[in-house]
Amino acid sequence: MDLMLLLKAAILGVVEGVTEFLPISSTGHLIVAGSLLNFNDERGKLFEIVIQSAAILAVMWEYRVKIATVIGGLFSEVAARRFALNVFIAFLPLAIIGMLFGKHIKAALFNPITVAMTSIVGAVFILWAERRRHTVSVNTVDDLTWKDALKVGLAQALALIPGTSRSGATIIGGLFFGLSRKAATEFTFFLAMPTLIGATVYELYKGRALLNGADLDMWIVGFVTSFIAAFLCVRWLLRYISSHDFTVFAWYRIAFGLVVLGTYYSGLVDWSIT
């Protein structure tokens, strides 16, 4: 048993769990953390898929009652069918664009410098969204129309650029499109389920040759820490948005981006290895 490897797994699990549903980019943080821990090879990328699945499971557990209600009412309740259709519609843009251009985006943009710059750009949009007049036309996730869902889905597609943040794109996009803070945040959670499940299954299939029973202890540690961190983070975020806006995340993104850029241009960290 490699204790150092298990420590890296635990750290990355916490990073994934904490950042997956906050508007600060889990992919960006994993790229940077993986670079610092020298764990950005193909094995490391497969590990990221494993811990991402734990974060999905955490949010599904948090919303298990809503999920069961929707599934149970698909053939008998109009509201359940409309909700499921909205999630599907919102899922389509990222799925289609990802299938067409995902490989090229990863090859060209998955590096810490891109993450740093998009983190800062994304922060500007968060500050803009929070300082403009916010007119709410959609109070709850059940009030969304298919047009609202499509617009949020198009915003989510921007998250294919690392550092943008899937949660950030959908939440802030939702605010621009008239969703309440709670509706935008909760729809982001529900939209994460098919998005991340689809990505997980696809990436695991592509990387099946790298699956190795010897890595099981590493996967277990990362999975558990990611699940716990994501579960606690989702509950905290729901409480936080009841009385706060997202400005603090914008300033964090700016600080994060400046630190990465500063360490790169000062030579303190050799980000070129990625």
Protein backbone atom coordinates (compact mmCIF):
# COMPACT_ATOMS: atom_id res chain seq x y z
CA MET A 1 0.00 0.00 0.00
CA ASP A 2 1.44 3.35 -1.12
CA LEU A 3 0.48 5.82 1.63
CA MET A 4 1.64 8.82 -0.40
CA LEU A 5 -0.59 7.75 -3.28
CA LEU A 6 -3.54 7.37 -0.91
CA LEU A 7 -2.86 10.85 0.47
CA LYS A 8 -2.92 12.25 -3.06
CA ALA A 9 -6.18 10.38 -3.67
CA ALA A 10 -7.73 11.87 -0.54
CA ILE A 11 -6.62 15.40 -1.44
CA LEU A 12 -7.98 15.14 -4.97
CA GLY A 13 -11.21 13.60 -3.66
CA VAL A 14 -11.77 16.58 -1.38
CA VAL A 15 -10.89 19.02 -4.18
CA GLU A 16 -13.43 17.37 -6.49
CA GLY A 17 -16.15 17.18 -3.86
CA VAL A 18 -15.78 20.78 -2.74
CA THR A 19 -15.47 22.35 -6.19
CA GLU A 20 -17.89 20.29 -8.33
CA PHE A 21 -21.01 22.22 -7.37
CA LEU A 22 -19.50 25.59 -6.50
CA PRO A 23 -19.10 28.17 -9.32
CA ILE A 24 -15.31 27.89 -9.25
CA SER A 25 -14.56 25.00 -11.68
CA SER A 26 -13.79 21.51 -10.43
CA THR A 27 -12.00 20.67 -13.67
CA GLY A 28 -9.75 23.70 -13.30
CA HIS A 29 -8.89 22.89 -9.71
CA LEU A 30 -8.21 19.24 -10.53
CA ILE A 31 -5.90 20.24 -13.39
CA VAL A 32 -3.94 22.53 -11.07
CA ALA A 33 -3.97 20.12 -8.10
CA GLY A 34 -3.03 17.19 -10.34
CA SER A 35 -0.11 19.20 -11.72
CA LEU A 36 1.13 20.07 -8.25
CA LEU A 37 0.80 16.45 -7.11
CA ASN A 38 2.30 15.11 -10.36
CA PHE A 39 -0.86 13.12 -10.96
CA ASN A 40 -2.06 14.36 -14.34
CA ASP A 41 -1.18 11.31 -16.43
CA GLU A 42 -3.76 8.97 -18.00
CA ARG A 43 -4.08 7.04 -14.75
CA GLY A 44 -4.77 10.28 -12.93
CA LYS A 45 -7.40 11.33 -15.46
CA LEU A 46 -9.20 8.01 -15.00
CA PHE A 47 -9.08 8.54 -11.24
CA GLU A 48 -10.76 11.93 -11.72
CA ILE A 49 -13.69 10.16 -13.38
CA VAL A 50 -14.01 7.83 -10.37
CA ILE A 51 -14.15 10.68 -7.85
CA GLN A 52 -16.52 12.64 -10.08
CA SER A 53 -18.97 9.75 -9.88
CA ALA A 54 -18.88 10.06 -6.08
CA ALA A 55 -19.82 13.73 -6.29
CA ILE A 56 -22.77 12.83 -8.54
CA LEU A 57 -23.92 10.20 -6.06
CA ALA A 58 -23.77 12.75 -3.24
CA VAL A 59 -26.10 15.21 -4.96
CA MET A 60 -28.43 12.39 -6.02
CA TRP A 61 -28.64 11.28 -2.40
CA GLU A 62 -29.42 14.83 -1.28
CA TYR A 63 -32.29 15.04 -3.80
CA ARG A 64 -33.39 11.41 -3.61
CA VAL A 65 -36.98 12.34 -2.68
CA LYS A 66 -37.38 14.70 -5.65
CA ILE A 67 -35.80 12.16 -8.00
CA ALA A 68 -38.13 9.41 -6.76
CA THR A 69 -41.14 11.73 -7.13
CA VAL A 70 -40.24 12.62 -10.72
CA ILE A 71 -39.55 9.02 -11.73
CA GLY A 72 -42.72 7.82 -10.05
CA GLY A 73 -44.81 10.46 -11.79
CA LEU A 74 -43.40 10.20 -15.31
CA PHE A 75 -46.45 8.31 -16.60
CA SER A 76 -49.08 9.99 -14.46
CA GLU A 77 -48.13 13.61 -13.70
CA VAL A 78 -47.67 16.45 -16.18
CA ALA A 79 -45.33 18.32 -13.82
CA ALA A 80 -42.98 15.34 -13.52
CA ARG A 81 -42.83 14.87 -17.30
CA ARG A 82 -42.21 18.58 -17.83
CA PHE A 83 -39.40 18.59 -15.27
CA ALA A 84 -37.72 15.54 -16.81
CA LEU A 85 -38.07 17.03 -20.31
CA ASN A 86 -36.51 20.31 -19.15
CA VAL A 87 -33.50 18.50 -17.73
CA PHE A 88 -33.12 16.54 -20.97
CA ILE A 89 -33.37 19.66 -23.12
CA ALA A 90 -30.82 21.48 -20.98
CA PHE A 91 -28.48 18.50 -21.19
CA LEU A 92 -28.45 18.35 -25.01
CA PRO A 93 -26.26 21.37 -25.94
CA LEU A 94 -23.27 20.29 -23.89
CA ALA A 95 -23.68 16.65 -24.95
CA ILE A 96 -23.77 17.51 -28.66
CA ILE A 97 -20.98 20.09 -28.61
CA GLY A 98 -18.89 17.87 -26.34
CA MET A 99 -19.17 14.91 -28.72
CA LEU A 100 -18.24 17.08 -31.71
CA PHE A 101 -15.44 19.17 -30.23
CA GLY A 102 -14.59 17.78 -26.77
CA LYS A 103 -11.45 15.95 -27.88
CA HIS A 104 -10.04 19.05 -29.57
CA ILE A 105 -10.89 21.27 -26.60
CA LYS A 106 -9.09 18.92 -24.21
CA ALA A 107 -6.02 18.76 -26.41
CA ALA A 108 -5.75 22.53 -26.77
CA LEU A 109 -7.06 24.02 -23.55
CA PHE A 110 -6.64 21.59 -20.64
CA ASN A 111 -3.74 23.33 -18.91
CA PRO A 112 -3.35 25.53 -15.81
CA ILE A 113 -2.76 28.75 -17.73
CA THR A 114 -6.04 28.46 -19.61
CA VAL A 115 -7.73 27.63 -16.32
CA ALA A 116 -6.28 30.74 -14.70
CA MET A 117 -7.44 33.05 -17.47
CA THR A 118 -10.95 31.59 -17.77
CA SER A 119 -11.28 31.67 -14.00
CA ILE A 120 -10.73 35.42 -14.04
CA VAL A 121 -13.01 35.99 -17.05
CA GLY A 122 -15.73 33.95 -15.37
CA ALA A 123 -15.36 36.05 -12.23
CA VAL A 124 -16.09 39.19 -14.24
CA PHE A 125 -19.37 37.67 -15.44
CA ILE A 126 -20.33 36.70 -11.88
CA LEU A 127 -19.71 40.25 -10.67
CA TRP A 128 -21.70 41.60 -13.62
CA ALA A 129 -24.60 39.23 -12.90
CA GLU A 130 -24.69 40.20 -9.24
CA ARG A 131 -24.48 43.95 -9.80
CA ARG A 132 -27.12 44.21 -12.52
CA ARG A 133 -30.81 44.43 -11.73
CA HIS A 134 -32.07 40.89 -11.26
CA THR A 135 -35.68 40.45 -12.36
CA VAL A 136 -36.99 37.04 -11.31
CA SER A 137 -39.47 35.32 -13.64
CA VAL A 138 -38.77 31.73 -12.50
CA ASN A 139 -38.99 31.14 -8.76
CA THR A 140 -38.59 27.36 -8.54
CA VAL A 141 -37.23 24.58 -10.75
CA ASP A 142 -40.79 23.43 -11.39
CA ASP A 143 -41.61 26.81 -13.00
CA LEU A 144 -39.08 26.45 -15.84
CA THR A 145 -40.31 26.33 -19.42
CA TRP A 146 -38.49 24.37 -22.11
CA LYS A 147 -37.12 27.67 -23.44
CA ASP A 148 -35.66 28.50 -20.01
CA ALA A 149 -34.10 25.04 -19.85
CA LEU A 150 -32.58 25.39 -23.32
CA LYS A 151 -31.01 28.74 -22.45
CA VAL A 152 -29.47 27.31 -19.27
CA GLY A 153 -28.25 24.32 -21.28
CA LEU A 154 -26.54 26.60 -23.78
CA ALA A 155 -24.84 28.39 -20.89
CA GLN A 156 -23.67 25.03 -19.51
CA ALA A 157 -21.98 24.25 -22.84
CA LEU A 158 -19.49 27.04 -22.10
CA ALA A 159 -18.13 24.81 -19.33
CA LEU A 160 -16.39 22.68 -21.96
CA ILE A 161 -13.69 25.34 -21.67
CA PRO A 162 -11.71 24.35 -18.55
CA GLY A 163 -11.81 26.86 -15.74
CA THR A 164 -15.20 28.21 -16.79
CA SER A 165 -17.08 26.02 -14.26
CA ARG A 166 -20.13 24.00 -15.22
CA SER A 167 -21.93 25.09 -12.06
CA GLY A 168 -20.84 28.67 -12.55
CA ALA A 169 -22.03 28.78 -16.14
CA THR A 170 -25.46 27.34 -15.35
CA ILE A 171 -26.05 29.28 -12.13
CA ILE A 172 -24.93 32.65 -13.47
CA GLY A 173 -26.58 31.94 -16.82
CA GLY A 174 -29.76 31.18 -14.90
CA LEU A 175 -29.55 34.52 -13.11
CA PHE A 176 -29.17 36.33 -16.43
CA PHE A 177 -32.20 34.45 -17.78
CA GLY A 178 -34.50 35.36 -14.89
CA LEU A 179 -34.18 32.38 -12.56
CA SER A 180 -34.16 33.00 -8.83
CA ARG A 181 -30.91 32.24 -7.04
CA LYS A 182 -32.41 29.08 -5.53
CA ALA A 183 -33.95 27.88 -8.81
CA ALA A 184 -30.70 28.46 -10.71
CA THR A 185 -28.68 26.59 -8.09
CA GLU A 186 -31.06 23.64 -7.75
CA PHE A 187 -31.50 23.26 -11.52
CA THR A 188 -27.71 23.17 -11.76
CA PHE A 189 -27.69 20.24 -9.33
CA PHE A 190 -30.34 18.33 -11.29
CA LEU A 191 -28.68 19.11 -14.62
CA ALA A 192 -25.40 17.80 -13.20
CA MET A 193 -26.88 14.31 -12.87
CA PRO A 194 -27.31 13.34 -16.55
CA THR A 195 -24.35 15.51 -17.57
CA LEU A 196 -21.85 13.97 -15.19
CA ILE A 197 -23.28 10.44 -15.38
CA GLY A 198 -23.02 10.54 -19.16
CA ALA A 199 -19.47 11.90 -19.02
CA THR A 200 -18.46 9.32 -16.41
CA VAL A 201 -19.79 6.34 -18.35
CA TYR A 202 -18.23 7.59 -21.60
CA GLU A 203 -14.82 8.29 -20.07
CA LEU A 204 -14.75 5.01 -18.16
CA TYR A 205 -15.51 3.16 -21.37
CA LYS A 206 -12.74 4.98 -23.22
CA GLY A 207 -10.27 4.35 -20.40
CA ARG A 208 -11.31 0.75 -19.69
CA ALA A 209 -7.85 -0.51 -20.63
CA LEU A 210 -6.43 1.42 -17.67
CA LEU A 211 -8.77 -0.18 -15.14
CA ASN A 212 -6.56 -2.04 -12.69
CA GLY A 213 -7.53 -3.87 -9.52
CA ALA A 214 -4.26 -2.72 -7.95
CA ASP A 215 -5.69 0.83 -7.90
CA LEU A 216 -8.79 -0.20 -5.95
CA ASP A 217 -7.60 1.19 -2.61
CA MET A 218 -6.80 4.53 -4.27
CA TRP A 219 -10.24 4.64 -5.89
CA ILE A 220 -11.99 3.83 -2.61
CA VAL A 221 -10.18 6.59 -0.72
CA GLY A 222 -10.87 9.14 -3.44
CA PHE A 223 -14.49 8.06 -3.83
CA VAL A 224 -15.28 8.29 -0.11
CA THR A 225 -13.59 11.65 0.41
CA SER A 226 -15.24 13.08 -2.71
CA PHE A 227 -18.70 11.87 -1.66
CA ILE A 228 -18.42 13.32 1.84
CA ALA A 229 -16.99 16.64 0.64
CA ALA A 230 -19.63 17.00 -2.11
CA PHE A 231 -22.51 16.12 0.21
CA LEU A 232 -21.42 18.66 2.83
CA CYS A 233 -20.72 21.29 0.18
CA VAL A 234 -24.15 20.96 -1.46
CA ARG A 235 -25.91 21.34 1.88
CA TRP A 236 -23.74 24.31 2.80
CA LEU A 237 -24.33 26.03 -0.55
CA LEU A 238 -28.12 25.72 -0.25
CA ARG A 239 -27.98 27.40 3.16
CA TYR A 240 -25.50 30.01 1.95
CA ILE A 241 -27.54 31.24 -1.02
CA SER A 242 -30.58 31.81 1.18
CA SER A 243 -28.92 34.97 2.50
CA HIS A 244 -25.84 35.63 0.30
CA ASP A 245 -24.98 36.21 -3.35
CA PHE A 246 -22.14 34.70 -5.42
CA THR A 247 -19.76 37.66 -5.25
CA VAL A 248 -17.37 35.91 -2.87
CA PHE A 249 -16.84 33.17 -5.46
CA ALA A 250 -15.95 35.79 -8.08
CA TRP A 251 -13.22 37.24 -5.88
CA TYR A 252 -11.95 33.75 -5.10
CA ARG A 253 -11.76 32.96 -8.83
CA ILE A 254 -9.78 36.14 -9.44
CA ALA A 255 -7.36 35.33 -6.61
CA PHE A 256 -7.02 31.72 -7.82
CA GLY A 257 -6.30 32.82 -11.39
CA LEU A 258 -3.79 35.45 -10.33
CA VAL A 259 -1.92 32.97 -8.11
CA VAL A 260 -1.58 30.48 -10.98
CA LEU A 261 -0.49 33.19 -13.43
CA GLY A 262 1.85 34.75 -10.87
CA THR A 263 3.59 31.48 -10.06
CA TYR A 264 3.91 30.71 -13.77
CA TYR A 265 5.40 34.01 -14.88
CA SER A 266 7.64 34.27 -11.81
CA GLY A 267 9.01 30.78 -12.47
CA LEU A 268 7.97 29.60 -9.02
CA VAL A 269 5.98 26.74 -10.54
CA ASP A 270 6.76 25.17 -13.91
CA TRP A 271 3.24 24.81 -15.28
CA SER A 272 4.66 24.01 -18.73
CA ILE A 273 4.90 20.34 -17.73
CA THR A 274 1.19 20.05 -18.37
